[in-house]
N, C-alpha and C. Protein backbone atom coordinates (compact mmCIF):
# COMPACT_ATOMS: atom_id res chain seq x y z
N MET A 1 163.93 34.99 83.13
CA MET A 1 162.89 35.79 83.74
C MET A 1 163.10 37.23 83.33
N THR A 2 162.03 37.88 82.89
CA THR A 2 162.01 39.23 82.48
C THR A 2 161.89 40.17 83.71
N THR A 3 162.63 41.22 83.72
CA THR A 3 162.56 42.23 84.79
C THR A 3 161.48 43.25 84.43
N ALA A 4 160.59 43.51 85.39
CA ALA A 4 159.60 44.55 85.16
C ALA A 4 160.23 45.92 85.02
N VAL A 5 159.65 46.77 84.30
CA VAL A 5 160.11 48.14 84.06
C VAL A 5 158.99 49.11 84.40
N THR A 6 159.39 50.34 84.66
CA THR A 6 158.43 51.40 84.95
C THR A 6 158.59 52.50 83.93
N THR A 7 157.46 52.97 83.39
CA THR A 7 157.53 54.09 82.51
C THR A 7 156.54 55.13 82.98
N ILE A 8 156.85 56.40 82.70
CA ILE A 8 155.98 57.48 83.10
C ILE A 8 155.52 58.26 81.85
N PHE A 9 154.22 58.41 81.79
CA PHE A 9 153.64 59.17 80.68
C PHE A 9 153.08 60.49 81.23
N GLN A 10 153.30 61.56 80.52
CA GLN A 10 152.61 62.79 80.78
C GLN A 10 151.34 62.75 79.92
N VAL A 11 150.22 62.87 80.57
CA VAL A 11 148.92 62.70 79.89
C VAL A 11 148.14 64.00 79.93
N ARG A 12 147.67 64.42 78.78
CA ARG A 12 146.80 65.61 78.67
C ARG A 12 145.41 65.16 78.46
N GLY A 13 144.51 65.90 79.04
CA GLY A 13 143.08 65.62 78.87
C GLY A 13 142.34 65.21 80.10
N PHE A 14 143.04 64.99 81.21
CA PHE A 14 142.35 64.66 82.46
C PHE A 14 141.53 65.86 82.88
N GLN A 15 140.24 65.64 83.18
CA GLN A 15 139.41 66.71 83.64
C GLN A 15 139.18 66.62 85.14
N CYS A 16 139.31 65.39 85.69
CA CYS A 16 139.00 65.18 87.10
C CYS A 16 139.63 63.89 87.58
N ALA A 17 139.47 63.56 88.89
CA ALA A 17 139.95 62.33 89.42
C ALA A 17 139.31 61.13 88.76
N GLY A 18 138.07 61.24 88.34
CA GLY A 18 137.40 60.14 87.68
C GLY A 18 138.07 59.74 86.38
N CYS A 19 138.59 60.73 85.65
CA CYS A 19 139.30 60.44 84.41
C CYS A 19 140.55 59.60 84.70
N SER A 20 141.34 59.98 85.70
CA SER A 20 142.53 59.25 85.96
C SER A 20 142.23 57.88 86.53
N GLU A 21 141.18 57.77 87.31
CA GLU A 21 140.77 56.42 87.81
C GLU A 21 140.34 55.50 86.75
N THR A 22 139.53 56.01 85.82
CA THR A 22 139.07 55.20 84.71
C THR A 22 140.21 54.72 83.84
N LEU A 23 141.14 55.62 83.52
CA LEU A 23 142.31 55.26 82.70
C LEU A 23 143.16 54.26 83.45
N GLY A 24 143.37 54.46 84.75
CA GLY A 24 144.15 53.55 85.57
C GLY A 24 143.57 52.16 85.56
N ARG A 25 142.26 52.05 85.67
CA ARG A 25 141.61 50.72 85.63
C ARG A 25 141.78 50.06 84.27
N SER A 26 141.67 50.85 83.20
CA SER A 26 141.79 50.31 81.86
C SER A 26 143.21 49.78 81.65
N LEU A 27 144.21 50.57 82.03
CA LEU A 27 145.62 50.11 81.93
C LEU A 27 145.87 48.87 82.81
N GLY A 28 145.28 48.87 84.02
CA GLY A 28 145.50 47.81 84.91
C GLY A 28 144.95 46.46 84.41
N ARG A 29 143.96 46.51 83.54
CA ARG A 29 143.41 45.29 82.97
C ARG A 29 144.26 44.67 81.84
N MET A 30 145.21 45.47 81.32
CA MET A 30 146.07 44.91 80.25
C MET A 30 146.99 43.81 80.82
N GLU A 31 147.07 42.75 80.01
CA GLU A 31 147.96 41.63 80.44
C GLU A 31 149.40 42.15 80.47
N GLY A 32 150.06 41.84 81.58
CA GLY A 32 151.46 42.29 81.75
C GLY A 32 151.59 43.54 82.59
N VAL A 33 150.53 44.26 82.86
CA VAL A 33 150.64 45.46 83.67
C VAL A 33 150.56 45.02 85.15
N ILE A 34 151.52 45.50 85.92
CA ILE A 34 151.70 45.13 87.35
C ILE A 34 151.04 46.17 88.23
N ARG A 35 151.27 47.45 87.90
CA ARG A 35 150.79 48.53 88.83
C ARG A 35 150.58 49.76 87.96
N VAL A 36 149.58 50.57 88.32
CA VAL A 36 149.32 51.85 87.66
C VAL A 36 149.06 52.88 88.75
N ARG A 37 149.70 54.04 88.55
CA ARG A 37 149.40 55.23 89.42
C ARG A 37 149.10 56.34 88.47
N ALA A 38 147.90 56.84 88.54
CA ALA A 38 147.52 57.97 87.68
C ALA A 38 147.06 59.15 88.51
N ASP A 39 147.55 60.32 88.23
CA ASP A 39 147.31 61.50 89.01
C ASP A 39 146.77 62.60 88.08
N HIS A 40 145.52 62.97 88.22
CA HIS A 40 144.91 63.96 87.29
C HIS A 40 145.50 65.34 87.49
N GLU A 41 145.93 65.64 88.75
CA GLU A 41 146.43 66.99 89.03
C GLU A 41 147.74 67.23 88.35
N THR A 42 148.62 66.24 88.25
CA THR A 42 149.91 66.41 87.61
C THR A 42 149.89 65.96 86.14
N GLY A 43 148.87 65.19 85.78
CA GLY A 43 148.79 64.61 84.44
C GLY A 43 149.81 63.48 84.25
N ARG A 44 150.21 62.90 85.33
CA ARG A 44 151.28 61.86 85.33
C ARG A 44 150.66 60.50 85.49
N VAL A 45 151.06 59.57 84.65
CA VAL A 45 150.64 58.17 84.78
C VAL A 45 151.89 57.32 84.80
N GLU A 46 152.05 56.62 85.90
CA GLU A 46 153.25 55.73 86.07
C GLU A 46 152.75 54.29 85.93
N VAL A 47 153.37 53.54 85.02
CA VAL A 47 152.97 52.16 84.79
C VAL A 47 154.15 51.21 84.99
N ARG A 48 153.99 50.25 85.85
CA ARG A 48 155.01 49.17 86.01
C ARG A 48 154.49 47.97 85.27
N PHE A 49 155.30 47.38 84.35
CA PHE A 49 154.82 46.35 83.49
C PHE A 49 155.93 45.35 83.16
N ASP A 50 155.49 44.23 82.64
CA ASP A 50 156.40 43.18 82.18
C ASP A 50 156.59 43.35 80.65
N PRO A 51 157.76 43.84 80.23
CA PRO A 51 157.93 44.09 78.78
C PRO A 51 157.85 42.84 77.90
N ALA A 52 157.91 41.64 78.46
CA ALA A 52 157.77 40.40 77.66
C ALA A 52 156.29 40.20 77.35
N ARG A 53 155.40 40.86 78.07
CA ARG A 53 153.99 40.61 77.89
C ARG A 53 153.22 41.83 77.29
N VAL A 54 153.75 43.04 77.46
CA VAL A 54 153.08 44.21 76.91
C VAL A 54 154.20 45.24 76.61
N THR A 55 153.99 46.05 75.54
CA THR A 55 154.95 47.05 75.19
C THR A 55 154.54 48.43 75.67
N GLU A 56 155.52 49.29 75.74
CA GLU A 56 155.25 50.68 76.07
C GLU A 56 154.36 51.30 75.02
N GLU A 57 154.54 50.95 73.76
CA GLU A 57 153.73 51.48 72.64
C GLU A 57 152.27 51.01 72.80
N ALA A 58 152.07 49.78 73.28
CA ALA A 58 150.63 49.29 73.49
C ALA A 58 150.00 50.13 74.60
N LEU A 59 150.74 50.46 75.63
CA LEU A 59 150.26 51.23 76.73
C LEU A 59 149.84 52.65 76.21
N ARG A 60 150.74 53.25 75.44
CA ARG A 60 150.49 54.54 74.88
C ARG A 60 149.23 54.53 73.93
N GLU A 61 149.11 53.44 73.13
CA GLU A 61 147.95 53.34 72.28
C GLU A 61 146.64 53.25 73.06
N LEU A 62 146.65 52.55 74.16
CA LEU A 62 145.47 52.43 74.98
C LEU A 62 145.08 53.82 75.59
N ILE A 63 146.11 54.53 76.05
CA ILE A 63 145.89 55.89 76.60
C ILE A 63 145.24 56.78 75.54
N GLU A 64 145.79 56.78 74.36
CA GLU A 64 145.25 57.64 73.28
C GLU A 64 143.91 57.14 72.78
N ALA A 65 143.67 55.82 72.76
CA ALA A 65 142.36 55.33 72.35
C ALA A 65 141.30 55.69 73.37
N SER A 66 141.72 55.97 74.58
CA SER A 66 140.80 56.39 75.67
C SER A 66 140.49 57.92 75.61
N GLY A 67 141.11 58.59 74.65
CA GLY A 67 140.75 60.00 74.46
C GLY A 67 141.75 60.97 75.04
N PHE A 68 142.90 60.48 75.48
CA PHE A 68 143.91 61.32 76.06
C PHE A 68 145.14 61.44 75.16
N GLU A 69 145.99 62.40 75.44
CA GLU A 69 147.23 62.54 74.70
C GLU A 69 148.38 62.10 75.60
N ALA A 70 149.20 61.23 75.18
CA ALA A 70 150.30 60.69 76.02
C ALA A 70 151.62 61.12 75.41
N ARG A 71 152.53 61.51 76.34
CA ARG A 71 153.90 61.96 75.92
C ARG A 71 154.89 61.17 76.76
């Protein structure tokens, strides 16, 4: 059994709460993602996921494909 991990991205490009909500929903639809917390005020996105089903790089790619910069 794989243990879930949590990673935190600093995201640039959030303009409002709607941006963080939209990105949070997109990440949440990825297979293997357990929980997403996105905060536009801090630019912080915390993702809890199953690394056997999705990679941190795939999460970063989705963030960037959505028009944001992830660190």
